[in-house]
Amino acid sequence: MRIREDNRNMFLLVTVTLCCVAVAATLALFEPVFGQGPERRIADSRPVDASAHAPVRVVGAPFIPNTNPRQR
């Protein structure tokens, strides 16, 4: 069976795609064996003090948006 010259690029693309799919499927089947399960995270049950903000230092002039693009 000879592949015509017009179809060689498509045949190469299909072959590479099928090989990549086979490798990905094989790795997906063995993923639980190779990797460890993620640790369960439990949220901290302590209440959060929302009023305690860290001080912020502002450097330079305050930001004023340019509402007129022609004016600089």
Protein backbone atom coordinates (compact mmCIF):
# COMPACT_ATOMS: atom_id res chain seq x y z
CA MET A 1 0.00 0.00 0.00
CA ARG A 2 1.51 3.26 -1.10
CA ILE A 3 0.39 6.59 0.22
CA ARG A 4 -0.02 9.27 -2.36
CA GLU A 5 2.16 12.33 -1.97
CA ASP A 6 -0.89 14.53 -1.45
CA ASN A 7 -1.94 12.56 1.65
CA ARG A 8 1.44 12.06 3.35
CA ASN A 9 1.18 15.10 5.61
CA MET A 10 -2.29 14.09 6.79
CA PHE A 11 -1.14 10.51 7.36
CA LEU A 12 1.82 11.76 9.42
CA LEU A 13 -0.46 14.05 11.44
CA VAL A 14 -2.91 11.21 12.17
CA THR A 15 -0.08 8.85 13.14
CA VAL A 16 1.52 11.33 15.56
CA THR A 17 -1.88 12.20 17.05
CA LEU A 18 -2.74 8.55 17.66
CA CYS A 19 0.65 7.92 19.28
CA CYS A 20 0.22 10.92 21.58
CA VAL A 21 -3.30 9.84 22.52
CA ALA A 22 -2.04 6.33 23.32
CA VAL A 23 0.74 7.70 25.57
CA ALA A 24 -1.65 10.10 27.32
CA ALA A 25 -4.25 7.37 27.90
CA THR A 26 -1.61 5.02 29.30
CA LEU A 27 -0.35 7.68 31.70
CA ALA A 28 -3.91 8.57 32.73
CA LEU A 29 -4.58 4.93 33.64
CA PHE A 30 -1.52 4.73 35.89
CA GLU A 31 -1.80 8.21 37.42
CA PRO A 32 -3.16 7.09 40.83
CA VAL A 33 -0.31 4.58 41.14
CA PHE A 34 2.52 7.01 40.44
CA GLY A 35 1.25 10.09 42.26
CA GLN A 36 0.26 10.50 45.86
CA GLY A 37 -3.19 11.73 46.73
CA PRO A 38 -3.50 15.36 47.78
CA GLU A 39 -3.59 16.04 51.50
CA ARG A 40 -6.97 17.07 52.84
CA ARG A 41 -6.98 20.66 53.94
CA ILE A 42 -9.23 21.68 56.76
CA ALA A 43 -10.20 25.33 57.08
CA ASP A 44 -9.04 27.15 60.16
CA SER A 45 -11.96 27.34 62.55
CA ARG A 46 -10.72 30.43 64.39
CA PRO A 47 -12.65 33.66 63.74
CA VAL A 48 -10.97 36.29 61.58
CA ASP A 49 -10.55 39.81 62.94
CA ALA A 50 -11.77 41.92 60.02
CA SER A 51 -11.07 45.23 61.76
CA ALA A 52 -7.31 44.63 62.03
CA HIS A 53 -5.89 45.96 58.76
CA ALA A 54 -2.20 46.20 58.07
CA PRO A 55 -0.99 49.76 57.58
CA VAL A 56 -0.49 50.75 53.95
CA ARG A 57 2.11 53.25 52.81
CA VAL A 58 1.08 55.48 49.89
CA VAL A 59 3.98 56.81 47.84
CA GLY A 60 3.58 59.74 45.48
CA ALA A 61 0.45 61.50 44.31
CA PRO A 62 -2.95 59.83 44.45
CA PHE A 63 -4.16 58.16 41.30
CA ILE A 64 -6.44 60.30 39.14
CA PRO A 65 -7.85 58.51 36.09
CA ASN A 66 -7.51 60.25 32.74
CA THR A 67 -11.10 60.73 31.58
CA ASN A 68 -10.08 62.84 28.58
CA PRO A 69 -7.64 60.81 26.41
CA ARG A 70 -6.58 63.85 24.33
CA GLN A 71 -5.38 65.68 27.42
CA ARG A 72 -2.10 64.60 28.94
